[in-house]
Amino acid sequence: MIPVDQKAWQEKEPFAYSFPYRSWDSVMPLFTFPLHWHDYIEILYVLKGNTYASIDGQTYEAAEGDILTINKQLLHGFFPSSPGTSARIFQFEPKLFDDGDSELQDGVLGVPVFARKPLLSAKKDGVIYEKAAALIADMFGEYQRREAGYRLCIKAKLYEYSLLFLREIKPEQPVKPGRNTNSRYVNERLERILSFIFKNCDKPEVTLDDAANDAALSKFHFTRFFKEQTGQSFHSYLSMVRVSHAVENLIKTDASITDIAYQCGFSSLKTFNRVFKTYTGKNPSQYRSAAVPDPRPAQMLSDG
């Protein structure tokens, strides 16, 4: 049994220059982890609970035992997880492979290998899932023990993991022509917009016009850009962020529901109750009552 790390979700050791790979266990955030992108590849194995992930405009529900693989530079983020959800996270740079990106690209179909099937289900994907789960378990064990030759072993397992996706998994959907998700400029602009939303989501008066002005875009271009890149409207995403912060406060604090509503940017308790139920299926009181924390300390949670 390997204990779940109690570090914050974002907290991690830096990549080693000679071996750009890392893995660790962490409790998933109850609040939304904002849409973001990076130049490394990420694998997330759900140890306990469940979470929702948005990857390149598609939403995936990952339950206990499921594996999410996120290709580099794909816009992704995580919706509120169930209380106590924990995950094993793997991150590595493409340069870990001898020929860099060419090893991770199918020259025939033009589909990045790890974008073929972002979610591997423990219940539905049979042998392919079992192979993938065994490989990441081996990688995690090698990284924890760090015995002589562990880097070579992890690298070999990553090659096997890549080959599994390349030869045994067909792309779930064709690549969308002309999509700008991999453009650094587009991602940086979107990152600025999302940062603005998170900094101002507690202000009831914040508007689409405010966000557009901050991004130096017209209202029309801002609306089109945001919808193209996230698959959501500005107001829908803002509401989701507000609800996710309300979820965090309901579970972690004893603040009244009215206080939480106003702290999270809602203009009235009536609006808060309506929007909260839309996103969670429960009203705030029901959600708080149902969210009974796991009585075991985090370090005792197993890997399922």
Protein backbone atom coordinates (compact mmCIF):
# COMPACT_ATOMS: atom_id res chain seq x y z
CA MET A 1 0.00 0.00 0.00
CA ILE A 2 1.49 3.34 -1.08
CA PRO A 3 0.22 6.29 0.96
CA VAL A 4 -1.55 9.21 -0.67
CA ASP A 5 0.56 12.34 -0.61
CA GLN A 6 -1.00 15.19 1.33
CA LYS A 7 0.68 17.88 -0.74
CA ALA A 8 -1.48 20.40 -2.55
CA TRP A 9 -2.69 19.35 -5.99
CA GLN A 10 -0.47 21.89 -7.75
CA GLU A 11 2.60 21.20 -5.61
CA LYS A 12 5.20 18.97 -7.21
CA GLU A 13 8.94 18.60 -7.54
CA PRO A 14 10.53 20.16 -10.64
CA PHE A 15 11.56 18.03 -13.57
CA ALA A 16 15.13 16.81 -13.37
CA TYR A 17 17.10 18.21 -16.30
CA SER A 18 18.39 14.80 -17.39
CA PHE A 19 15.18 12.89 -16.69
CA PRO A 20 12.01 15.00 -17.20
CA TYR A 21 9.55 12.70 -15.46
CA ARG A 22 7.74 12.77 -12.11
CA SER A 23 4.87 10.99 -10.38
CA TRP A 24 3.12 11.39 -7.04
CA ASP A 25 -0.18 10.73 -5.24
CA SER A 26 -2.47 13.57 -4.29
CA VAL A 27 -5.96 14.35 -3.06
CA MET A 28 -7.91 15.95 -5.91
CA PRO A 29 -9.19 19.48 -5.34
CA LEU A 30 -12.85 19.77 -4.44
CA PHE A 31 -12.92 23.03 -6.35
CA THR A 32 -12.46 23.40 -10.09
CA PHE A 33 -8.89 23.15 -11.33
CA PRO A 34 -9.01 25.76 -14.13
CA LEU A 35 -8.57 25.04 -17.79
CA HIS A 36 -4.89 25.18 -18.60
CA TRP A 37 -2.25 23.67 -20.88
CA HIS A 38 1.40 22.69 -20.68
CA ASP A 39 4.22 21.25 -22.79
CA TYR A 40 4.41 17.93 -20.97
CA ILE A 41 2.19 14.84 -21.13
CA GLU A 42 0.07 13.92 -18.12
CA ILE A 43 -1.46 10.63 -16.94
CA LEU A 44 -3.99 10.60 -14.10
CA TYR A 45 -5.04 7.35 -12.41
CA VAL A 46 -8.03 7.71 -10.09
CA LEU A 47 -7.26 5.93 -6.82
CA LYS A 48 -10.52 6.72 -5.03
CA GLY A 49 -13.73 8.60 -5.81
CA ASN A 50 -14.45 10.24 -9.14
CA THR A 51 -13.81 13.43 -11.06
CA TYR A 52 -14.81 15.13 -14.30
CA ALA A 53 -12.22 16.32 -16.79
CA SER A 54 -12.54 18.64 -19.76
CA ILE A 55 -9.98 17.76 -22.45
CA ASP A 56 -9.90 19.59 -25.77
CA GLY A 57 -13.54 20.60 -25.42
CA GLN A 58 -14.81 17.12 -24.46
CA THR A 59 -15.97 16.14 -20.97
CA TYR A 60 -14.99 12.80 -19.42
CA GLU A 61 -16.13 11.23 -16.15
CA ALA A 62 -13.31 9.29 -14.51
CA ALA A 63 -14.30 6.85 -11.77
CA GLU A 64 -12.14 4.83 -9.39
CA GLY A 65 -9.50 2.89 -11.34
CA ASP A 66 -9.94 4.85 -14.58
CA ILE A 67 -6.97 6.33 -16.42
CA LEU A 68 -6.89 9.76 -18.11
CA THR A 69 -4.04 10.47 -20.54
CA ILE A 70 -3.65 14.10 -21.62
CA ASN A 71 -1.46 14.98 -24.58
CA LYS A 72 0.81 18.01 -24.42
CA GLN A 73 -0.65 21.44 -25.24
CA LEU A 74 -4.25 20.26 -25.02
CA LEU A 75 -6.52 22.59 -23.11
CA HIS A 76 -7.80 20.72 -20.07
CA GLY A 77 -9.11 21.19 -16.57
CA PHE A 78 -10.98 19.39 -13.80
CA PHE A 79 -14.50 19.93 -12.53
CA PRO A 80 -15.38 19.49 -8.85
CA SER A 81 -14.46 16.02 -7.60
CA SER A 82 -16.40 14.01 -5.07
CA PRO A 83 -15.09 14.53 -1.51
CA GLY A 84 -12.00 12.44 -0.77
CA THR A 85 -11.15 11.78 -4.41
CA SER A 86 -7.46 10.98 -4.82
CA ALA A 87 -5.34 10.36 -7.88
CA ARG A 88 -1.92 9.16 -8.94
CA ILE A 89 -0.37 11.66 -11.31
CA PHE A 90 2.37 11.09 -13.89
CA GLN A 91 3.97 13.88 -15.92
CA PHE A 92 6.78 13.67 -18.46
CA GLU A 93 8.20 15.69 -21.31
CA PRO A 94 8.27 14.33 -24.90
CA LYS A 95 12.04 14.84 -25.02
CA LEU A 96 12.29 11.80 -22.76
CA PHE A 97 11.92 9.85 -26.00
CA ASP A 98 15.01 9.64 -28.20
CA ASP A 99 13.41 11.34 -31.19
CA GLY A 100 11.16 13.68 -29.25
CA ASP A 101 7.73 14.38 -30.68
CA SER A 102 8.19 12.11 -33.69
CA GLU A 103 7.87 9.11 -31.36
CA LEU A 104 4.46 10.29 -30.22
CA GLN A 105 2.92 11.10 -33.60
CA ASP A 106 1.27 8.66 -35.98
CA GLY A 107 2.52 9.78 -39.38
CA VAL A 108 -0.28 7.90 -41.15
CA LEU A 109 -3.29 9.38 -39.36
CA GLY A 110 -1.69 12.56 -38.08
CA VAL A 111 -3.21 12.00 -34.64
CA PRO A 112 -1.08 12.55 -31.52
CA VAL A 113 -0.77 9.14 -29.90
CA PHE A 114 -2.06 10.16 -26.48
CA ALA A 115 -5.00 12.12 -27.93
CA ARG A 116 -6.51 8.94 -29.41
CA LYS A 117 -8.42 7.86 -26.31
CA PRO A 118 -8.08 10.19 -23.31
CA LEU A 119 -10.09 7.93 -20.97
CA LEU A 120 -9.37 4.25 -20.35
CA SER A 121 -12.19 2.73 -18.31
CA ALA A 122 -11.49 0.05 -15.72
CA LYS A 123 -14.94 -1.43 -16.41
CA LYS A 124 -15.19 -1.12 -20.19
CA ASP A 125 -11.75 -1.31 -21.81
CA GLY A 126 -10.75 -4.85 -20.87
CA VAL A 127 -7.31 -6.03 -21.93
CA ILE A 128 -6.13 -2.63 -23.17
CA TYR A 129 -6.95 -1.11 -19.79
CA GLU A 130 -5.22 -3.95 -17.93
CA LYS A 131 -2.05 -3.46 -19.96
CA ALA A 132 -2.06 0.29 -19.40
CA ALA A 133 -2.75 -0.06 -15.66
CA ALA A 134 0.08 -2.59 -15.26
CA LEU A 135 2.54 -0.30 -17.06
CA ILE A 136 1.77 2.78 -14.98
CA ALA A 137 1.87 0.71 -11.78
CA ASP A 138 5.36 -0.46 -12.75
CA MET A 139 6.45 3.11 -13.52
CA PHE A 140 5.17 4.39 -10.20
CA GLY A 141 6.89 1.62 -8.27
CA GLU A 142 10.20 2.20 -10.03
CA TYR A 143 10.03 5.94 -9.34
CA GLN A 144 9.26 5.38 -5.65
CA ARG A 145 12.05 2.86 -5.11
CA ARG A 146 14.63 4.53 -7.40
CA GLU A 147 16.85 1.50 -7.57
CA ALA A 148 19.74 1.25 -10.02
CA GLY A 149 18.42 1.50 -13.57
CA TYR A 150 15.01 2.93 -12.62
CA ARG A 151 15.24 5.63 -15.28
CA LEU A 152 15.83 3.05 -18.00
CA CYS A 153 12.94 0.96 -16.74
CA ILE A 154 10.52 3.91 -16.64
CA LYS A 155 11.59 4.97 -20.11
CA ALA A 156 11.02 1.44 -21.42
CA LYS A 157 7.56 1.34 -19.84
CA LEU A 158 6.69 4.69 -21.41
CA TYR A 159 7.65 3.32 -24.82
CA GLU A 160 5.38 0.34 -24.20
CA TYR A 161 2.58 2.65 -23.06
CA SER A 162 2.98 4.73 -26.23
CA LEU A 163 3.01 1.65 -28.45
CA LEU A 164 -0.18 0.42 -26.76
CA PHE A 165 -1.96 3.62 -27.80
CA LEU A 166 -0.44 3.59 -31.28
CA ARG A 167 -1.18 -0.02 -32.23
CA GLU A 168 -4.14 -1.12 -30.16
CA ILE A 169 -6.27 2.01 -29.82
CA LYS A 170 -8.16 3.61 -32.69
CA PRO A 171 -8.80 7.36 -32.50
CA GLU A 172 -12.19 8.07 -30.93
CA GLN A 173 -12.83 10.94 -33.32
CA PRO A 174 -11.04 12.62 -36.23
CA VAL A 175 -8.82 15.60 -35.56
CA LYS A 176 -10.75 18.82 -36.05
CA PRO A 177 -9.20 20.74 -38.95
CA GLY A 178 -8.11 24.26 -38.22
CA ARG A 179 -8.49 24.01 -34.43
CA ASN A 180 -6.11 26.36 -32.66
CA THR A 181 -5.76 24.41 -29.41
CA ASN A 182 -2.06 23.76 -29.95
CA SER A 183 -1.23 27.38 -30.66
CA ARG A 184 0.84 28.88 -27.86
CA TYR A 185 -0.58 32.32 -28.64
CA VAL A 186 -4.16 31.08 -28.36
CA ASN A 187 -3.46 29.20 -25.15
CA GLU A 188 -1.74 32.16 -23.54
CA ARG A 189 -4.65 34.42 -24.43
CA LEU A 190 -7.11 31.92 -22.99
CA GLU A 191 -5.00 31.51 -19.88
CA ARG A 192 -5.19 35.27 -19.34
CA ILE A 193 -8.97 35.18 -19.68
CA LEU A 194 -9.36 32.29 -17.26
CA SER A 195 -7.05 33.99 -14.79
CA PHE A 196 -9.27 37.08 -14.93
CA ILE A 197 -12.34 34.94 -14.23
CA PHE A 198 -10.78 33.25 -11.21
CA LYS A 199 -9.56 36.53 -9.76
CA ASN A 200 -12.96 38.20 -10.15
CA CYS A 201 -15.50 35.39 -9.76
CA ASP A 202 -16.40 36.57 -6.25
CA LYS A 203 -17.60 39.92 -7.59
CA PRO A 204 -21.32 39.84 -8.51
CA GLU A 205 -20.87 42.85 -10.76
CA VAL A 206 -18.25 41.30 -13.07
CA THR A 207 -19.51 41.08 -16.66
CA LEU A 208 -18.61 39.67 -20.04
CA ASP A 209 -17.70 43.23 -21.08
CA ASP A 210 -15.17 43.41 -18.23
CA ALA A 211 -13.53 40.16 -19.31
CA ALA A 212 -13.46 41.21 -22.96
CA ASN A 213 -11.87 44.55 -22.09
CA ASP A 214 -9.22 42.84 -19.97
CA ALA A 215 -8.40 40.54 -22.91
CA ALA A 216 -8.30 43.51 -25.31
CA LEU A 217 -11.02 41.93 -27.48
CA SER A 218 -14.35 43.19 -28.69
CA LYS A 219 -17.36 41.59 -27.04
CA PHE A 220 -18.17 39.75 -30.27
CA HIS A 221 -14.65 38.35 -30.77
CA PHE A 222 -14.32 37.49 -27.09
CA THR A 223 -17.59 35.51 -27.10
CA ARG A 224 -16.63 33.58 -30.23
CA PHE A 225 -13.09 32.91 -29.04
CA PHE A 226 -14.17 31.69 -25.59
CA LYS A 227 -16.84 29.38 -27.00
CA GLU A 228 -14.46 27.92 -29.62
CA GLN A 229 -11.75 27.18 -27.10
CA THR A 230 -13.74 25.98 -24.07
CA GLY A 231 -17.01 24.75 -25.54
CA GLN A 232 -18.84 26.93 -22.99
CA SER A 233 -20.23 30.42 -22.81
CA PHE A 234 -18.58 32.97 -20.54
CA HIS A 235 -21.56 33.01 -18.17
CA SER A 236 -21.74 29.21 -17.97
CA TYR A 237 -18.06 28.94 -17.10
CA LEU A 238 -18.27 31.78 -14.56
CA SER A 239 -21.23 30.05 -12.89
CA MET A 240 -19.33 26.75 -12.79
CA VAL A 241 -16.36 28.41 -11.11
CA ARG A 242 -18.59 30.09 -8.55
CA VAL A 243 -20.39 26.84 -7.76
CA SER A 244 -17.11 24.96 -7.42
CA HIS A 245 -15.86 27.47 -4.86
CA ALA A 246 -19.20 27.21 -3.05
CA VAL A 247 -18.76 23.42 -2.92
CA GLU A 248 -15.37 23.91 -1.29
CA ASN A 249 -16.79 26.30 1.30
CA LEU A 250 -19.80 24.10 2.07
CA ILE A 251 -17.59 21.13 2.86
CA LYS A 252 -14.62 22.81 4.52
CA THR A 253 -16.26 25.61 6.54
CA ASP A 254 -19.19 26.16 8.89
CA ALA A 255 -20.20 29.39 7.15
CA SER A 256 -23.90 29.88 6.56
CA ILE A 257 -25.27 29.14 3.11
CA THR A 258 -26.26 32.79 2.73
CA ASP A 259 -22.72 33.96 3.52
CA ILE A 260 -21.24 31.43 1.09
CA ALA A 261 -23.60 32.58 -1.66
CA TYR A 262 -22.41 36.18 -1.40
CA GLN A 263 -18.75 35.23 -0.86
CA CYS A 264 -18.81 33.27 -4.12
CA GLY A 265 -20.19 36.09 -6.23
CA PHE A 266 -23.93 35.38 -6.31
CA SER A 267 -26.21 38.41 -6.11
CA SER A 268 -28.97 36.63 -4.16
CA LEU A 269 -29.63 33.44 -2.23
CA LYS A 270 -32.40 32.51 -4.66
CA THR A 271 -30.03 32.70 -7.62
CA PHE A 272 -27.37 30.74 -5.74
CA ASN A 273 -29.78 27.90 -4.90
CA ARG A 274 -31.02 27.68 -8.50
CA VAL A 275 -27.57 27.73 -10.13
CA PHE A 276 -26.05 25.40 -7.55
CA LYS A 277 -28.75 22.76 -8.14
CA THR A 278 -28.30 23.09 -11.90
CA TYR A 279 -24.63 22.12 -11.63
CA THR A 280 -24.72 19.60 -8.77
CA GLY A 281 -28.24 18.15 -8.80
CA LYS A 282 -28.72 19.14 -5.15
CA ASN A 283 -29.45 22.36 -3.31
CA PRO A 284 -26.64 23.65 -1.05
CA SER A 285 -28.15 22.21 2.15
CA GLN A 286 -28.57 18.76 0.60
CA TYR A 287 -25.04 18.84 -0.78
CA ARG A 288 -23.52 19.79 2.57
CA SER A 289 -25.47 17.06 4.37
CA ALA A 290 -24.45 14.41 1.84
CA ALA A 291 -20.78 15.39 1.79
CA VAL A 292 -19.64 13.36 4.79
CA PRO A 293 -15.80 13.37 4.84
CA ASP A 294 -13.96 10.04 4.78
CA PRO A 295 -13.12 9.33 8.47
CA ARG A 296 -9.73 7.84 7.58
CA PRO A 297 -6.71 10.12 7.46
CA ALA A 298 -5.44 10.84 3.94
CA GLN A 299 -2.29 8.75 4.41
CA MET A 300 -4.42 5.65 5.03
CA LEU A 301 -6.35 5.83 1.76
CA SER A 302 -5.35 2.90 -0.41
CA ASP A 303 -4.81 2.73 -4.13
CA GLY A 304 -7.96 0.66 -4.63
